[in-house]
């Protein structure tokens, strides 16, 4: 079968590899849709990920497909079932799992390799996060469950309601998904980004106002703050770029007593500096939010199944597996949001 293997920085190769076989507790999935994401783009550009994979490695982590083979002891699924799964699974027994923080599990198992015709889903995923896709839900829509679960976890930690004014820094896939969920929650949402087409997508989703930082003569933060809560700044800022300078700008932007969700993961070894007087005397709450939980994943699939989430705005186009590198190049140039890869 054909599979995408990451060998290093921007070194992604399609290779012929054996079709995997299912071990105890595992299932083999025939991949019907594998969506590109901002994390995969960063991994491709950086040549690896400290937590998820070390090259050379099978690549990709968002998918939906059909069960092609069952391993011994698998009873929850049958061959032919349409399924989706989170890209990580907790152990359920460690210190953090015991404190209901499965996203911080000491034995968190990541699954990679969805940019392929077939994909082996580990036993921990089959046990804890794999779910049948409801009838009538397309594979491409279901494949958004993992990133949407991350967004739901972010908003669970820093809720946005009807009386809140929210600013999202970043017009990438996660930023747009945050926007969609916050709009559905009734918040007034503004977005900072650098792509006119993506900001237009944000407005179609329901974002009240957008700011292209390429066109604000360096005054983006001042303009957004002036537009929020009568010039006081937003109640909540979601940083969804993973850039250290944006982390610092998020703290500058939020109002007194406000909250900052530092969602975008910066490169390993990165440090930032905050004004301690601003944090202390203005009563600013900083929230580092990582990944998601199995419960968020279940809620995400339910949301996608309900039809209320605007998946059509997030999924820009479809491409065959042979054009995966081209899809990442279009993401880098910010010409698309997410691309559905059809192995």
C-alpha atoms as a PDB file:
ATOM      1  CA  UNK A   1       0.000   0.000   0.000  1.00  0.00           C
ATOM      2  CA  UNK A   2       1.026   3.646  -0.327  1.00  0.00           C
ATOM      3  CA  UNK A   3       1.746   5.662   2.810  1.00  0.00           C
ATOM      4  CA  UNK A   4       3.252   9.058   3.609  1.00  0.00           C
ATOM      5  CA  UNK A   5       6.472   8.844   5.619  1.00  0.00           C
ATOM      6  CA  UNK A   6       8.031  11.942   7.192  1.00  0.00           C
ATOM      7  CA  UNK A   7      11.827  11.786   6.975  1.00  0.00           C
ATOM      8  CA  UNK A   8      12.676  15.297   8.168  1.00  0.00           C
ATOM      9  CA  UNK A   9      12.092  18.979   7.568  1.00  0.00           C
ATOM     10  CA  UNK A  10       9.784  19.306   4.540  1.00  0.00           C
ATOM     11  CA  UNK A  11      10.879  15.800   3.556  1.00  0.00           C
ATOM     12  CA  UNK A  12       7.662  13.865   3.031  1.00  0.00           C
ATOM     13  CA  UNK A  13       7.788  10.764   0.840  1.00  0.00           C
ATOM     14  CA  UNK A  14       5.109   8.430  -0.480  1.00  0.00           C
ATOM     15  CA  UNK A  15       6.401   4.908  -0.049  1.00  0.00           C
ATOM     16  CA  UNK A  16       5.224   1.375  -0.677  1.00  0.00           C
ATOM     17  CA  UNK A  17       4.886  -0.337   2.693  1.00  0.00           C
ATOM     18  CA  UNK A  18       3.206  -3.572   3.805  1.00  0.00           C
ATOM     19  CA  UNK A  19      -0.470  -3.435   4.730  1.00  0.00           C
ATOM     20  CA  UNK A  20      -0.523  -3.554   8.558  1.00  0.00           C
ATOM     21  CA  UNK A  21      -2.046  -6.468  10.423  1.00  0.00           C
ATOM     22  CA  UNK A  22      -4.129  -6.207  13.563  1.00  0.00           C
ATOM     23  CA  UNK A  23      -2.631  -7.342  16.855  1.00  0.00           C
ATOM     24  CA  UNK A  24      -4.534  -8.074  20.070  1.00  0.00           C
ATOM     25  CA  UNK A  25      -7.118  -5.365  20.732  1.00  0.00           C
ATOM     26  CA  UNK A  26      -6.288  -3.506  17.502  1.00  0.00           C
ATOM     27  CA  UNK A  27      -8.229  -2.823  14.326  1.00  0.00           C
ATOM     28  CA  UNK A  28      -7.072  -2.064  10.807  1.00  0.00           C
ATOM     29  CA  UNK A  29      -8.894   0.873   9.250  1.00  0.00           C
ATOM     30  CA  UNK A  30      -9.290   1.510   5.558  1.00  0.00           C
ATOM     31  CA  UNK A  31      -8.854   5.279   5.507  1.00  0.00           C
ATOM     32  CA  UNK A  32     -11.620   7.092   3.643  1.00  0.00           C
ATOM     33  CA  UNK A  33     -10.741  10.659   4.665  1.00  0.00           C
ATOM     34  CA  UNK A  34      -7.615  12.080   6.300  1.00  0.00           C
ATOM     35  CA  UNK A  35      -7.639  15.815   6.900  1.00  0.00           C
ATOM     36  CA  UNK A  36      -4.619  18.101   7.000  1.00  0.00           C
ATOM     37  CA  UNK A  37      -4.192  20.279  10.071  1.00  0.00           C
ATOM     38  CA  UNK A  38      -2.041  23.058  11.467  1.00  0.00           C
ATOM     39  CA  UNK A  39      -0.145  20.653  13.715  1.00  0.00           C
ATOM     40  CA  UNK A  40       0.785  18.458  10.757  1.00  0.00           C
ATOM     41  CA  UNK A  41       1.880  21.572   8.868  1.00  0.00           C
ATOM     42  CA  UNK A  42       4.136  22.597  11.767  1.00  0.00           C
ATOM     43  CA  UNK A  43       5.531  19.061  12.048  1.00  0.00           C
ATOM     44  CA  UNK A  44       6.238  19.037   8.304  1.00  0.00           C
ATOM     45  CA  UNK A  45       7.954  22.431   8.458  1.00  0.00           C
ATOM     46  CA  UNK A  46       9.946  21.617  11.616  1.00  0.00           C
ATOM     47  CA  UNK A  47      10.740  18.021  10.713  1.00  0.00           C
ATOM     48  CA  UNK A  48       9.234  16.355  13.778  1.00  0.00           C
ATOM     49  CA  UNK A  49       7.319  16.764  17.014  1.00  0.00           C
ATOM     50  CA  UNK A  50       8.711  16.274  20.520  1.00  0.00           C
ATOM     51  CA  UNK A  51       5.615  14.432  21.743  1.00  0.00           C
ATOM     52  CA  UNK A  52       4.016  12.849  18.694  1.00  0.00           C
ATOM     53  CA  UNK A  53       6.670  11.448  16.364  1.00  0.00           C
ATOM     54  CA  UNK A  54      10.371  11.215  15.535  1.00  0.00           C
ATOM     55  CA  UNK A  55      11.298  10.781  11.827  1.00  0.00           C
ATOM     56  CA  UNK A  56      11.316   8.625   9.895  1.00  0.00           C
ATOM     57  CA  UNK A  57       7.716   7.976  10.842  1.00  0.00           C
ATOM     58  CA  UNK A  58       4.293   7.364   9.374  1.00  0.00           C
ATOM     59  CA  UNK A  59       2.494  10.702   9.151  1.00  0.00           C
ATOM     60  CA  UNK A  60      -0.995  12.073   9.751  1.00  0.00           C
ATOM     61  CA  UNK A  61      -3.402  11.823  12.689  1.00  0.00           C
ATOM     62  CA  UNK A  62      -6.906  12.942  11.639  1.00  0.00           C
ATOM     63  CA  UNK A  63      -9.018  10.332   9.882  1.00  0.00           C
ATOM     64  CA  UNK A  64     -12.297   8.544   9.351  1.00  0.00           C
ATOM     65  CA  UNK A  65     -12.705   5.186   7.693  1.00  0.00           C
ATOM     66  CA  UNK A  66     -14.010   1.633   7.702  1.00  0.00           C
ATOM     67  CA  UNK A  67     -12.900  -1.328   9.799  1.00  0.00           C
ATOM     68  CA  UNK A  68     -11.033  -3.703   7.488  1.00  0.00           C
ATOM     69  CA  UNK A  69      -9.694  -6.214  10.029  1.00  0.00           C
ATOM     70  CA  UNK A  70     -10.279  -7.028  13.691  1.00  0.00           C
ATOM     71  CA  UNK A  71      -7.545  -8.122  16.047  1.00  0.00           C
ATOM     72  CA  UNK A  72      -8.080 -10.769  18.724  1.00  0.00           C
ATOM     73  CA  UNK A  73     -10.338  -9.705  21.616  1.00  0.00           C
ATOM     74  CA  UNK A  74     -12.038  -6.858  19.724  1.00  0.00           C
ATOM     75  CA  UNK A  75     -15.783  -7.137  20.296  1.00  0.00           C
ATOM     76  CA  UNK A  76     -17.022  -3.531  20.081  1.00  0.00           C
ATOM     77  CA  UNK A  77     -16.660  -3.309  16.284  1.00  0.00           C
ATOM     78  CA  UNK A  78     -17.259  -5.400  13.199  1.00  0.00           C
ATOM     79  CA  UNK A  79     -15.613  -5.429   9.785  1.00  0.00           C
ATOM     80  CA  UNK A  80     -17.285  -2.741   7.687  1.00  0.00           C
ATOM     81  CA  UNK A  81     -18.141  -0.432  10.581  1.00  0.00           C
ATOM     82  CA  UNK A  82     -17.580   3.246   9.835  1.00  0.00           C
ATOM     83  CA  UNK A  83     -15.362   4.571  12.619  1.00  0.00           C
ATOM     84  CA  UNK A  84     -13.354   7.541  13.807  1.00  0.00           C
ATOM     85  CA  UNK A  85     -10.936   7.872  16.708  1.00  0.00           C
ATOM     86  CA  UNK A  86      -8.957  10.432  18.622  1.00  0.00           C
ATOM     87  CA  UNK A  87      -5.237  10.518  17.792  1.00  0.00           C
ATOM     88  CA  UNK A  88      -4.284   9.835  21.417  1.00  0.00           C
ATOM     89  CA  UNK A  89      -5.461   7.533  24.156  1.00  0.00           C
ATOM     90  CA  UNK A  90      -4.858   7.697  27.930  1.00  0.00           C
ATOM     91  CA  UNK A  91      -3.938   4.714  30.068  1.00  0.00           C
ATOM     92  CA  UNK A  92      -6.693   5.319  32.634  1.00  0.00           C
ATOM     93  CA  UNK A  93      -4.509   4.309  35.585  1.00  0.00           C
ATOM     94  CA  UNK A  94      -1.698   6.857  36.051  1.00  0.00           C
ATOM     95  CA  UNK A  95      -1.527   9.827  38.481  1.00  0.00           C
ATOM     96  CA  UNK A  96      -3.162  12.275  36.042  1.00  0.00           C
ATOM     97  CA  UNK A  97      -5.833   9.900  34.775  1.00  0.00           C
ATOM     98  CA  UNK A  98      -6.738   9.325  38.424  1.00  0.00           C
ATOM     99  CA  UNK A  99      -7.276  13.078  38.780  1.00  0.00           C
ATOM    100  CA  UNK A 100      -9.492  13.321  35.693  1.00  0.00           C
ATOM    101  CA  UNK A 101      -6.755  14.922  33.586  1.00  0.00           C
ATOM    102  CA  UNK A 102      -6.380  12.303  30.839  1.00  0.00           C
ATOM    103  CA  UNK A 103      -4.898  14.852  28.431  1.00  0.00           C
ATOM    104  CA  UNK A 104      -1.842  14.866  30.730  1.00  0.00           C
ATOM    105  CA  UNK A 105      -1.649  11.064  30.983  1.00  0.00           C
ATOM    106  CA  UNK A 106       1.875   9.878  31.793  1.00  0.00           C
ATOM    107  CA  UNK A 107       1.455   7.055  29.287  1.00  0.00           C
ATOM    108  CA  UNK A 108      -0.442   8.900  26.564  1.00  0.00           C
ATOM    109  CA  UNK A 109      -0.307   6.881  23.336  1.00  0.00           C
ATOM    110  CA  UNK A 110      -0.310   8.821  20.057  1.00  0.00           C
ATOM    111  CA  UNK A 111      -1.368   7.221  16.786  1.00  0.00           C
ATOM    112  CA  UNK A 112       0.132   8.427  13.516  1.00  0.00           C
ATOM    113  CA  UNK A 113      -0.012   7.165   9.973  1.00  0.00           C
ATOM    114  CA  UNK A 114      -3.432   8.184   8.665  1.00  0.00           C
ATOM    115  CA  UNK A 115      -2.053   9.494   5.351  1.00  0.00           C
ATOM    116  CA  UNK A 116      -2.163   5.962   4.006  1.00  0.00           C
ATOM    117  CA  UNK A 117      -4.539   3.498   2.446  1.00  0.00           C
ATOM    118  CA  UNK A 118      -4.713   1.477   5.666  1.00  0.00           C
ATOM    119  CA  UNK A 119      -3.976   2.450   9.251  1.00  0.00           C
ATOM    120  CA  UNK A 120      -3.481   0.347  12.386  1.00  0.00           C
ATOM    121  CA  UNK A 121      -5.458   1.748  15.315  1.00  0.00           C
ATOM    122  CA  UNK A 122      -3.718   0.819  18.604  1.00  0.00           C
ATOM    123  CA  UNK A 123      -5.565  -1.158  21.257  1.00  0.00           C
ATOM    124  CA  UNK A 124      -5.667   1.796  23.672  1.00  0.00           C
ATOM    125  CA  UNK A 125      -7.503   3.853  21.058  1.00  0.00           C
ATOM    126  CA  UNK A 126      -9.920   1.046  20.255  1.00  0.00           C
ATOM    127  CA  UNK A 127     -10.689   0.776  23.974  1.00  0.00           C
ATOM    128  CA  UNK A 128     -10.899   4.438  24.963  1.00  0.00           C
ATOM    129  CA  UNK A 129     -11.697   6.700  21.976  1.00  0.00           C
ATOM    130  CA  UNK A 130     -12.811   4.842  18.840  1.00  0.00           C
ATOM    131  CA  UNK A 131     -16.459   5.453  17.950  1.00  0.00           C
ATOM    132  CA  UNK A 132     -18.865   4.445  15.232  1.00  0.00           C
ATOM    133  CA  UNK A 133     -19.785   7.240  12.867  1.00  0.00           C
ATOM    134  CA  UNK A 134     -23.542   7.832  12.904  1.00  0.00           C
ATOM    135  CA  UNK A 135     -25.468   7.074   9.729  1.00  0.00           C
ATOM    136  CA  UNK A 136     -25.649  10.002   7.354  1.00  0.00           C
ATOM    137  CA  UNK A 137     -22.457  11.693   8.613  1.00  0.00           C
ATOM    138  CA  UNK A 138     -19.877  11.857   5.786  1.00  0.00           C
ATOM    139  CA  UNK A 139     -16.338  10.638   6.410  1.00  0.00           C
ATOM    140  CA  UNK A 140     -14.837  14.069   5.791  1.00  0.00           C
ATOM    141  CA  UNK A 141     -17.087  15.723   8.404  1.00  0.00           C
ATOM    142  CA  UNK A 142     -16.374  12.962  10.939  1.00  0.00           C
ATOM    143  CA  UNK A 143     -12.625  13.394  10.450  1.00  0.00           C
ATOM    144  CA  UNK A 144     -12.892  16.824  12.104  1.00  0.00           C
ATOM    145  CA  UNK A 145     -13.713  15.245  15.473  1.00  0.00           C
ATOM    146  CA  UNK A 146     -10.141  15.340  16.811  1.00  0.00           C
ATOM    147  CA  UNK A 147      -9.413  19.045  16.173  1.00  0.00           C
ATOM    148  CA  UNK A 148     -12.916  20.016  17.270  1.00  0.00           C
ATOM    149  CA  UNK A 149     -12.362  18.060  20.494  1.00  0.00           C
ATOM    150  CA  UNK A 150      -9.277  20.209  21.128  1.00  0.00           C
ATOM    151  CA  UNK A 151     -11.365  23.349  20.607  1.00  0.00           C
ATOM    152  CA  UNK A 152     -14.092  22.096  22.949  1.00  0.00           C
ATOM    153  CA  UNK A 153     -11.474  21.363  25.605  1.00  0.00           C
ATOM    154  CA  UNK A 154     -10.071  24.867  25.155  1.00  0.00           C
ATOM    155  CA  UNK A 155     -13.486  26.451  25.614  1.00  0.00           C
ATOM    156  CA  UNK A 156     -14.262  24.189  28.557  1.00  0.00           C
ATOM    157  CA  UNK A 157     -11.215  25.645  30.303  1.00  0.00           C
ATOM    158  CA  UNK A 158     -11.939  29.229  29.221  1.00  0.00           C
ATOM    159  CA  UNK A 159     -15.694  29.422  28.508  1.00  0.00           C
ATOM    160  CA  UNK A 160     -17.180  32.028  26.184  1.00  0.00           C
ATOM    161  CA  UNK A 161     -20.853  32.894  26.632  1.00  0.00           C
ATOM    162  CA  UNK A 162     -23.463  35.307  25.349  1.00  0.00           C
ATOM    163  CA  UNK A 163     -22.170  38.334  27.243  1.00  0.00           C
ATOM    164  CA  UNK A 164     -18.513  37.784  26.325  1.00  0.00           C
ATOM    165  CA  UNK A 165     -16.406  39.595  23.772  1.00  0.00           C
ATOM    166  CA  UNK A 166     -13.765  37.215  22.441  1.00  0.00           C
ATOM    167  CA  UNK A 167     -10.722  37.798  20.235  1.00  0.00           C
ATOM    168  CA  UNK A 168      -9.051  34.934  18.410  1.00  0.00           C
ATOM    169  CA  UNK A 169      -5.461  35.447  17.324  1.00  0.00           C
ATOM    170  CA  UNK A 170      -4.902  33.259  14.281  1.00  0.00           C
ATOM    171  CA  UNK A 171      -7.015  32.477  11.220  1.00  0.00           C
ATOM    172  CA  UNK A 172      -5.825  28.917  10.770  1.00  0.00           C
ATOM    173  CA  UNK A 173      -8.005  25.799  11.087  1.00  0.00           C
ATOM    174  CA  UNK A 174      -8.040  25.833  14.897  1.00  0.00           C
ATOM    175  CA  UNK A 175      -8.684  29.575  15.078  1.00  0.00           C
ATOM    176  CA  UNK A 176     -11.621  29.253  12.701  1.00  0.00           C
ATOM    177  CA  UNK A 177     -13.005  26.279  14.629  1.00  0.00           C
ATOM    178  CA  UNK A 178     -12.734  28.257  17.875  1.00  0.00           C
ATOM    179  CA  UNK A 179     -14.612  31.057  16.136  1.00  0.00           C
ATOM    180  CA  UNK A 180     -17.386  28.742  14.975  1.00  0.00           C
ATOM    181  CA  UNK A 181     -17.912  27.280  18.442  1.00  0.00           C
ATOM    182  CA  UNK A 182     -17.795  30.671  20.183  1.00  0.00           C
ATOM    183  CA  UNK A 183     -20.344  32.076  17.726  1.00  0.00           C
ATOM    184  CA  UNK A 184     -22.607  29.088  18.384  1.00  0.00           C
ATOM    185  CA  UNK A 185     -22.256  29.864  22.121  1.00  0.00           C
ATOM    186  CA  UNK A 186     -23.491  33.410  21.482  1.00  0.00           C
ATOM    187  CA  UNK A 187     -20.232  35.308  22.093  1.00  0.00           C
ATOM    188  CA  UNK A 188     -19.237  38.383  20.094  1.00  0.00           C
ATOM    189  CA  UNK A 189     -16.129  37.239  18.221  1.00  0.00           C
ATOM    190  CA  UNK A 190     -13.355  39.205  16.542  1.00  0.00           C
ATOM    191  CA  UNK A 191     -10.397  37.669  14.758  1.00  0.00           C
ATOM    192  CA  UNK A 192      -6.833  38.708  13.926  1.00  0.00           C
ATOM    193  CA  UNK A 193      -5.214  37.020  10.938  1.00  0.00           C
ATOM    194  CA  UNK A 194      -3.116  37.516   7.854  1.00  0.00           C
ATOM    195  CA  UNK A 195      -5.204  35.954   5.081  1.00  0.00           C
ATOM    196  CA  UNK A 196      -8.066  37.818   3.430  1.00  0.00           C
ATOM    197  CA  UNK A 197      -9.677  34.576   2.264  1.00  0.00           C
ATOM    198  CA  UNK A 198      -9.559  32.985   5.709  1.00  0.00           C
ATOM    199  CA  UNK A 199     -10.863  36.135   7.360  1.00  0.00           C
ATOM    200  CA  UNK A 200     -13.712  36.165   4.842  1.00  0.00           C
ATOM    201  CA  UNK A 201     -14.422  32.577   5.927  1.00  0.00           C
ATOM    202  CA  UNK A 202     -14.490  33.798   9.543  1.00  0.00           C
ATOM    203  CA  UNK A 203     -17.093  36.416   8.687  1.00  0.00           C
ATOM    204  CA  UNK A 204     -19.248  33.807   6.946  1.00  0.00           C
ATOM    205  CA  UNK A 205     -19.059  31.721  10.126  1.00  0.00           C
ATOM    206  CA  UNK A 206     -20.403  34.692  12.093  1.00  0.00           C
ATOM    207  CA  UNK A 207     -17.306  36.558  13.327  1.00  0.00           C
ATOM    208  CA  UNK A 208     -18.347  40.157  13.929  1.00  0.00           C
ATOM    209  CA  UNK A 209     -15.139  41.889  12.868  1.00  0.00           C
ATOM    210  CA  UNK A 210     -11.797  40.833  11.379  1.00  0.00           C
ATOM    211  CA  UNK A 211      -8.382  42.492  11.309  1.00  0.00           C
ATOM    212  CA  UNK A 212      -5.676  41.672   8.770  1.00  0.00           C
ATOM    213  CA  UNK A 213      -2.404  42.532  10.496  1.00  0.00           C
ATOM    214  CA  UNK A 214      -0.771  43.112   7.099  1.00  0.00           C
ATOM    215  CA  UNK A 215      -3.044  46.137   6.655  1.00  0.00           C
ATOM    216  CA  UNK A 216      -3.019  47.855  10.052  1.00  0.00           C
ATOM    217  CA  UNK A 217       0.367  49.627   9.938  1.00  0.00           C
ATOM    218  CA  UNK A 218       1.506  47.867  13.109  1.00  0.00           C
ATOM    219  CA  UNK A 219      -1.540  49.018  15.086  1.00  0.00           C
ATOM    220  CA  UNK A 220      -3.428  45.725  15.206  1.00  0.00           C
ATOM    221  CA  UNK A 221      -3.490  45.353  18.999  1.00  0.00           C
ATOM    222  CA  UNK A 222      -4.553  48.977  19.538  1.00  0.00           C
ATOM    223  CA  UNK A 223      -7.340  48.723  16.948  1.00  0.00           C
ATOM    224  CA  UNK A 224      -8.718  45.438  18.285  1.00  0.00           C
ATOM    225  CA  UNK A 225      -8.588  46.648  21.877  1.00  0.00           C
ATOM    226  CA  UNK A 226     -10.390  49.854  20.932  1.00  0.00           C
ATOM    227  CA  UNK A 227     -13.171  47.804  19.310  1.00  0.00           C
ATOM    228  CA  UNK A 228     -13.729  45.592  22.370  1.00  0.00           C
ATOM    229  CA  UNK A 229     -15.780  46.468  25.457  1.00  0.00           C
ATOM    230  CA  UNK A 230     -15.674  50.202  24.835  1.00  0.00           C
ATOM    231  CA  UNK A 231     -11.884  50.250  24.477  1.00  0.00           C
ATOM    232  CA  UNK A 232     -11.165  48.139  27.568  1.00  0.00           C
ATOM    233  CA  UNK A 233     -10.188  45.060  25.581  1.00  0.00           C
ATOM    234  CA  UNK A 234     -11.847  41.652  25.166  1.00  0.00           C
ATOM    235  CA  UNK A 235     -12.997  39.428  28.012  1.00  0.00           C
ATOM    236  CA  UNK A 236     -11.152  36.469  26.529  1.00  0.00           C
ATOM    237  CA  UNK A 237      -8.266  36.137  24.071  1.00  0.00           C
ATOM    238  CA  UNK A 238      -7.504  32.812  22.405  1.00  0.00           C
ATOM    239  CA  UNK A 239      -3.960  32.610  21.054  1.00  0.00           C
ATOM    240  CA  UNK A 240      -4.033  30.058  18.226  1.00  0.00           C
ATOM    241  CA  UNK A 241      -0.810  30.722  16.308  1.00  0.00           C
ATOM    242  CA  UNK A 242       1.897  29.142  18.455  1.00  0.00           C
ATOM    243  CA  UNK A 243       4.149  32.199  18.111  1.00  0.00           C
ATOM    244  CA  UNK A 244       5.868  33.687  21.193  1.00  0.00           C
ATOM    245  CA  UNK A 245       5.244  37.301  20.170  1.00  0.00           C
ATOM    246  CA  UNK A 246       1.525  36.532  19.819  1.00  0.00           C
ATOM    247  CA  UNK A 247       1.504  35.068  23.352  1.00  0.00           C
ATOM    248  CA  UNK A 248       2.820  38.391  24.635  1.00  0.00           C
ATOM    249  CA  UNK A 249       0.401  40.425  22.513  1.00  0.00           C
ATOM    250  CA  UNK A 250      -2.499  38.380  23.877  1.00  0.00           C
ATOM    251  CA  UNK A 251      -1.654  39.554  27.386  1.00  0.00           C
ATOM    252  CA  UNK A 252      -1.397  43.146  26.178  1.00  0.00           C
ATOM    253  CA  UNK A 253      -4.782  42.888  24.474  1.00  0.00           C
ATOM    254  CA  UNK A 254      -7.052  41.367  27.144  1.00  0.00           C
ATOM    255  CA  UNK A 255      -9.028  43.629  29.503  1.00  0.00           C
ATOM    256  CA  UNK A 256      -8.465  43.924  33.236  1.00  0.00           C
ATOM    257  CA  UNK A 257      -9.828  40.826  34.904  1.00  0.00           C
ATOM    258  CA  UNK A 258      -9.803  38.998  31.592  1.00  0.00           C
ATOM    259  CA  UNK A 259      -8.609  35.558  30.545  1.00  0.00           C
ATOM    260  CA  UNK A 260      -6.012  34.437  28.017  1.00  0.00           C
ATOM    261  CA  UNK A 261      -6.102  30.965  26.484  1.00  0.00           C
ATOM    262  CA  UNK A 262      -2.549  30.136  25.358  1.00  0.00           C
ATOM    263  CA  UNK A 263      -3.641  27.366  23.012  1.00  0.00           C
ATOM    264  CA  UNK A 264      -1.066  27.556  20.208  1.00  0.00           C
ATOM    265  CA  UNK A 265       1.967  25.396  20.957  1.00  0.00           C
ATOM    266  CA  UNK A 266       5.278  27.219  20.472  1.00  0.00           C
ATOM    267  CA  UNK A 267       8.496  25.441  19.391  1.00  0.00           C
ATOM    268  CA  UNK A 268      10.336  23.472  22.072  1.00  0.00           C
ATOM    269  CA  UNK A 269      12.694  25.640  24.134  1.00  0.00           C
ATOM    270  CA  UNK A 270      10.751  28.844  23.490  1.00  0.00           C
ATOM    271  CA  UNK A 271      10.463  31.393  26.302  1.00  0.00           C
ATOM    272  CA  UNK A 272       8.351  34.531  26.644  1.00  0.00           C
ATOM    273  CA  UNK A 273       8.414  37.481  29.036  1.00  0.00           C
ATOM    274  CA  UNK A 274       5.310  38.962  30.662  1.00  0.00           C
ATOM    275  CA  UNK A 275       4.879  42.210  32.564  1.00  0.00           C
ATOM    276  CA  UNK A 276       4.349  41.019  36.153  1.00  0.00           C
ATOM    277  CA  UNK A 277       2.552  44.245  37.114  1.00  0.00           C
ATOM    278  CA  UNK A 278       0.071  43.702  34.288  1.00  0.00           C
ATOM    279  CA  UNK A 279      -0.593  40.088  35.299  1.00  0.00           C
ATOM    280  CA  UNK A 280      -0.911  40.806  39.035  1.00  0.00           C
ATOM    281  CA  UNK A 281      -2.584  44.192  39.365  1.00  0.00           C
ATOM    282  CA  UNK A 282      -4.877  43.761  36.345  1.00  0.00           C
ATOM    283  CA  UNK A 283      -5.896  40.301  37.589  1.00  0.00           C
ATOM    284  CA  UNK A 284      -5.137  38.524  34.315  1.00  0.00           C
ATOM    285  CA  UNK A 285      -5.695  34.759  34.172  1.00  0.00           C
ATOM    286  CA  UNK A 286      -3.401  32.786  31.869  1.00  0.00           C
ATOM    287  CA  UNK A 287      -4.514  29.301  30.814  1.00  0.00           C
ATOM    288  CA  UNK A 288      -2.201  26.834  29.123  1.00  0.00           C
ATOM    289  CA  UNK A 289      -4.475  24.315  27.392  1.00  0.00           C
ATOM    290  CA  UNK A 290      -3.119  21.100  25.893  1.00  0.00           C
ATOM    291  CA  UNK A 291      -4.849  18.634  23.575  1.00  0.00           C
ATOM    292  CA  UNK A 292      -8.247  17.175  24.600  1.00  0.00           C
ATOM    293  CA  UNK A 293      -9.935  14.343  26.503  1.00  0.00           C
ATOM    294  CA  UNK A 294     -11.965  11.298  25.402  1.00  0.00           C
ATOM    295  CA  UNK A 295     -15.104  13.043  26.671  1.00  0.00           C
ATOM    296  CA  UNK A 296     -14.371  16.069  24.459  1.00  0.00           C
ATOM    297  CA  UNK A 297     -13.953  13.712  21.529  1.00  0.00           C
ATOM    298  CA  UNK A 298     -17.372  12.177  22.121  1.00  0.00           C
ATOM    299  CA  UNK A 299     -18.921  15.645  22.350  1.00  0.00           C
ATOM    300  CA  UNK A 300     -17.152  16.715  19.144  1.00  0.00           C
ATOM    301  CA  UNK A 301     -18.533  13.799  17.153  1.00  0.00           C
ATOM    302  CA  UNK A 302     -22.002  14.567  18.500  1.00  0.00           C
ATOM    303  CA  UNK A 303     -21.642  18.207  17.455  1.00  0.00           C
ATOM    304  CA  UNK A 304     -20.512  17.228  13.957  1.00  0.00           C
ATOM    305  CA  UNK A 305     -23.353  14.713  13.693  1.00  0.00           C
ATOM    306  CA  UNK A 306     -25.938  17.357  14.626  1.00  0.00           C
ATOM    307  CA  UNK A 307     -25.110  19.441  11.554  1.00  0.00           C
ATOM    308  CA  UNK A 308     -24.793  22.678  13.548  1.00  0.00           C
ATOM    309  CA  UNK A 309     -21.043  23.005  13.021  1.00  0.00           C
ATOM    310  CA  UNK A 310     -20.116  24.691   9.684  1.00  0.00           C
ATOM    311  CA  UNK A 311     -17.738  21.969   8.476  1.00  0.00           C
ATOM    312  CA  UNK A 312     -18.136  23.073   4.851  1.00  0.00           C
ATOM    313  CA  UNK A 313     -16.325  26.328   5.685  1.00  0.00           C
ATOM    314  CA  UNK A 314     -13.378  24.483   7.255  1.00  0.00           C
ATOM    315  CA  UNK A 315     -12.900  21.812   4.575  1.00  0.00           C
ATOM    316  CA  UNK A 316     -11.568  23.737   1.592  1.00  0.00           C
ATOM    317  CA  UNK A 317     -10.904  21.026  -0.996  1.00  0.00           C
ATOM    318  CA  UNK A 318     -10.142  17.354  -1.670  1.00  0.00           C
ATOM    319  CA  UNK A 319      -6.935  15.843  -3.043  1.00  0.00           C
ATOM    320  CA  UNK A 320      -5.588  12.329  -3.608  1.00  0.00           C
ATOM    321  CA  UNK A 321      -2.789  10.999  -1.417  1.00  0.00           C
ATOM    322  CA  UNK A 322      -0.313  11.598  -4.243  1.00  0.00           C
ATOM    323  CA  UNK A 323      -0.886  15.360  -3.842  1.00  0.00           C
ATOM    324  CA  UNK A 324      -0.338  15.512  -0.068  1.00  0.00           C
ATOM    325  CA  UNK A 325       2.840  17.602  -0.332  1.00  0.00           C
ATOM    326  CA  UNK A 326       1.029  20.039  -2.618  1.00  0.00           C
ATOM    327  CA  UNK A 327      -1.763  20.305  -0.046  1.00  0.00           C
ATOM    328  CA  UNK A 328       0.742  21.266   2.655  1.00  0.00           C
ATOM    329  CA  UNK A 329       2.316  23.792   0.334  1.00  0.00           C
ATOM    330  CA  UNK A 330      -1.088  25.408  -0.218  1.00  0.00           C
ATOM    331  CA  UNK A 331      -1.635  25.455   3.552  1.00  0.00           C
ATOM    332  CA  UNK A 332       1.740  27.142   4.022  1.00  0.00           C
ATOM    333  CA  UNK A 333       0.741  29.792   1.482  1.00  0.00           C
ATOM    334  CA  UNK A 334      -2.592  30.111   3.364  1.00  0.00           C
ATOM    335  CA  UNK A 335      -4.610  29.371   0.249  1.00  0.00           C
ATOM    336  CA  UNK A 336      -6.727  26.704   1.985  1.00  0.00           C
ATOM    337  CA  UNK A 337      -7.920  25.941   5.527  1.00  0.00           C
ATOM    338  CA  UNK A 338      -8.061  22.138   5.682  1.00  0.00           C
ATOM    339  CA  UNK A 339      -7.688  19.669   2.826  1.00  0.00           C
ATOM    340  CA  UNK A 340      -9.416  16.273   2.716  1.00  0.00           C
ATOM    341  CA  UNK A 341      -6.941  13.632   1.539  1.00  0.00           C
ATOM    342  CA  UNK A 342      -8.530  10.623  -0.161  1.00  0.00           C
ATOM    343  CA  UNK A 343      -6.132   7.636   0.025  1.00  0.00           C
END
